[in-house]
Structures are given as C-alpha cells and as structure tokens.
Protein backbone atom coordinates (compact mmCIF):
# COMPACT_ATOMS: atom_id res chain seq x y z
CA UNK A 1 15.61 -66.96 33.59
CA UNK A 2 16.98 -64.32 31.21
CA UNK A 3 19.95 -66.54 30.35
CA UNK A 4 17.57 -69.37 29.57
CA UNK A 5 15.75 -67.24 26.98
CA UNK A 6 19.03 -66.25 25.38
CA UNK A 7 20.19 -69.86 25.18
CA UNK A 8 16.89 -70.97 23.66
CA UNK A 9 16.81 -68.15 21.10
CA UNK A 10 20.44 -68.70 20.06
CA UNK A 11 19.75 -72.42 19.76
CA UNK A 12 16.72 -71.84 17.54
CA UNK A 13 18.63 -69.44 15.30
CA UNK A 14 21.53 -71.91 15.08
CA UNK A 15 19.19 -74.78 14.28
CA UNK A 16 17.50 -72.74 11.56
CA UNK A 17 20.89 -71.85 10.05
CA UNK A 18 22.01 -75.47 10.25
CA UNK A 19 18.85 -76.81 8.62
CA UNK A 20 18.98 -74.22 5.84
CA UNK A 21 22.64 -75.04 5.24
CA UNK A 22 21.87 -78.76 5.02
CA UNK A 23 18.89 -78.16 2.74
CA UNK A 24 20.23 -75.65 0.24
CA UNK A 25 23.94 -76.45 -0.02
CA UNK A 26 25.93 -79.49 -1.03
CA UNK A 27 29.21 -80.51 0.62
CA UNK A 28 31.16 -80.11 -2.61
CA UNK A 29 30.42 -76.42 -3.17
CA UNK A 30 30.24 -75.15 0.39
CA UNK A 31 33.94 -74.30 0.75
CA UNK A 32 36.15 -74.00 3.83
CA UNK A 33 34.18 -71.13 5.36
CA UNK A 34 30.98 -73.13 5.00
CA UNK A 35 32.54 -76.10 6.76
CA UNK A 36 33.64 -73.81 9.59
CA UNK A 37 30.16 -72.32 9.77
CA UNK A 38 28.61 -75.80 9.81
CA UNK A 39 30.74 -77.01 12.71
CA UNK A 40 30.22 -73.76 14.61
CA UNK A 41 26.45 -73.82 14.29
CA UNK A 42 26.39 -77.52 15.14
CA UNK A 43 28.40 -76.79 18.29
CA UNK A 44 26.05 -73.96 19.26
CA UNK A 45 22.98 -76.17 18.82
CA UNK A 46 24.52 -79.03 20.82
CA UNK A 47 25.60 -76.56 23.53
CA UNK A 48 22.07 -75.20 23.82
CA UNK A 49 20.56 -78.68 24.01
CA UNK A 50 23.08 -79.87 26.59
CA UNK A 51 22.62 -76.69 28.63
CA UNK A 52 18.85 -77.14 28.73
CA UNK A 53 19.18 -80.85 29.55
CA UNK A 54 21.68 -80.06 32.30
CA UNK A 55 19.33 -77.48 33.77
CA UNK A 56 16.41 -79.92 33.64
CA UNK A 57 18.47 -82.62 35.34
CA UNK A 58 19.57 -80.15 37.99
CA UNK A 59 16.00 -79.05 38.57
CA UNK A 60 14.77 -82.64 38.92
CA UNK A 61 17.63 -83.97 41.01
CA UNK A 62 18.44 -81.07 43.29
CA UNK A 63 15.21 -79.03 43.18
CA UNK A 64 17.32 -76.04 42.15
CA UNK A 65 16.47 -74.15 38.97
CA UNK A 66 19.19 -71.52 39.27
CA UNK A 67 21.90 -72.11 36.69
CA UNK A 68 25.39 -70.84 37.43
CA UNK A 69 28.17 -69.94 35.04
CA UNK A 70 29.96 -73.15 36.01
CA UNK A 71 27.00 -75.09 34.61
CA UNK A 72 27.44 -73.36 31.25
CA UNK A 73 31.12 -74.35 31.32
CA UNK A 74 30.16 -77.99 31.89
CA UNK A 75 27.69 -77.81 29.00
CA UNK A 76 30.28 -76.25 26.71
CA UNK A 77 32.75 -79.04 27.43
CA UNK A 78 30.09 -81.71 27.01
CA UNK A 79 28.99 -80.23 23.68
CA UNK A 80 32.46 -80.69 22.25
CA UNK A 81 32.18 -84.51 22.47
CA UNK A 82 29.82 -84.99 19.50
CA UNK A 83 31.92 -82.57 17.44
CA UNK A 84 34.98 -84.74 18.09
CA UNK A 85 32.99 -87.86 17.16
CA UNK A 86 31.95 -86.22 13.90
CA UNK A 87 35.56 -85.23 13.24
CA UNK A 88 36.70 -88.82 13.84
CA UNK A 89 33.95 -90.03 11.53
CA UNK A 90 35.13 -87.69 8.79
CA UNK A 91 38.62 -89.20 9.09
CA UNK A 92 37.05 -92.66 8.87
CA UNK A 93 38.52 -93.98 12.11
CA UNK A 94 35.44 -94.32 14.29
CA UNK A 95 35.60 -97.45 16.40
CA UNK A 96 35.20 -98.42 20.04
CA UNK A 97 38.71 -97.29 20.95
CA UNK A 98 38.16 -93.84 19.41
CA UNK A 99 34.84 -93.42 21.18
CA UNK A 100 36.47 -94.43 24.47
CA UNK A 101 39.28 -91.90 24.00
CA UNK A 102 36.82 -89.12 23.20
CA UNK A 103 34.76 -90.03 26.27
CA UNK A 104 37.93 -90.04 28.37
CA UNK A 105 38.91 -86.61 27.02
CA UNK A 106 35.49 -85.15 27.82
CA UNK A 107 35.52 -86.66 31.32
CA UNK A 108 39.02 -85.32 32.00
CA UNK A 109 38.04 -81.87 30.73
CA UNK A 110 34.94 -81.91 32.96
CA UNK A 111 37.07 -82.92 35.93
CA UNK A 112 39.56 -80.15 35.19
CA UNK A 113 36.73 -77.61 34.97
CA UNK A 114 35.34 -78.91 38.26
CA UNK A 115 38.70 -78.50 40.00
CA UNK A 116 39.67 -75.14 38.47
CA UNK A 117 36.35 -73.27 38.37
C-alpha cells in the first residue's frame, strides 16, 4: 500500500507540472530542456495511470491486490507506447502501419520482460 501512495503522489506532482507547462509556456520558447522535461513528465503520468489501472485489473480479475515489482516493469513498458506514438506524430508519419509497429514493439518488450523477469 505504501508503493501505491508513492505512485499516486508522483503522478499528481507530474500532472501538475505538465499542466503548468502546457498553460504557461509555448512550444517555441520552451527550448530543448523543456521538451525533455515535457516528455519525462508525460511518461511519469502515463506510468502512474497504467500502474493504477494494472493494479485495478489485477484486483478485479485475480482478487489479488498485492502489486509486485514485475507489475511495475510491465507498467513502465506499457507507458512507453503513447510516448512513441507522440514521437511518430511529431515526425508526421502516424498511420496504421506505424501504430501496428509500435504495438508490436510494446508487445515484444512485454513478452521479453515476462520471460526475463
């Protein structure tokens, strides 16, 4: 339960930083460090959301509320998918083939984490 509080508090802080960045800054004057900070905070927020959703699914499906470190690894890999979609969108090459390749990459990374961890 302590990990759950940490994940929620980090997610709230990341969401607040992300919203303040989107509200008070424009993309032209943010600079390279700002872009890095944007993608990092977006990844943290998506990781927290996917971690909480994964825990809720696990609680509903398996009646088990204990979250292991392997579950956080799965959430971290899953959270990288929307970041890759956003990156493809910034290059202007988002189509069905790109989305399929990103989905394939995430599925292969999840499978590798399942086999190795």
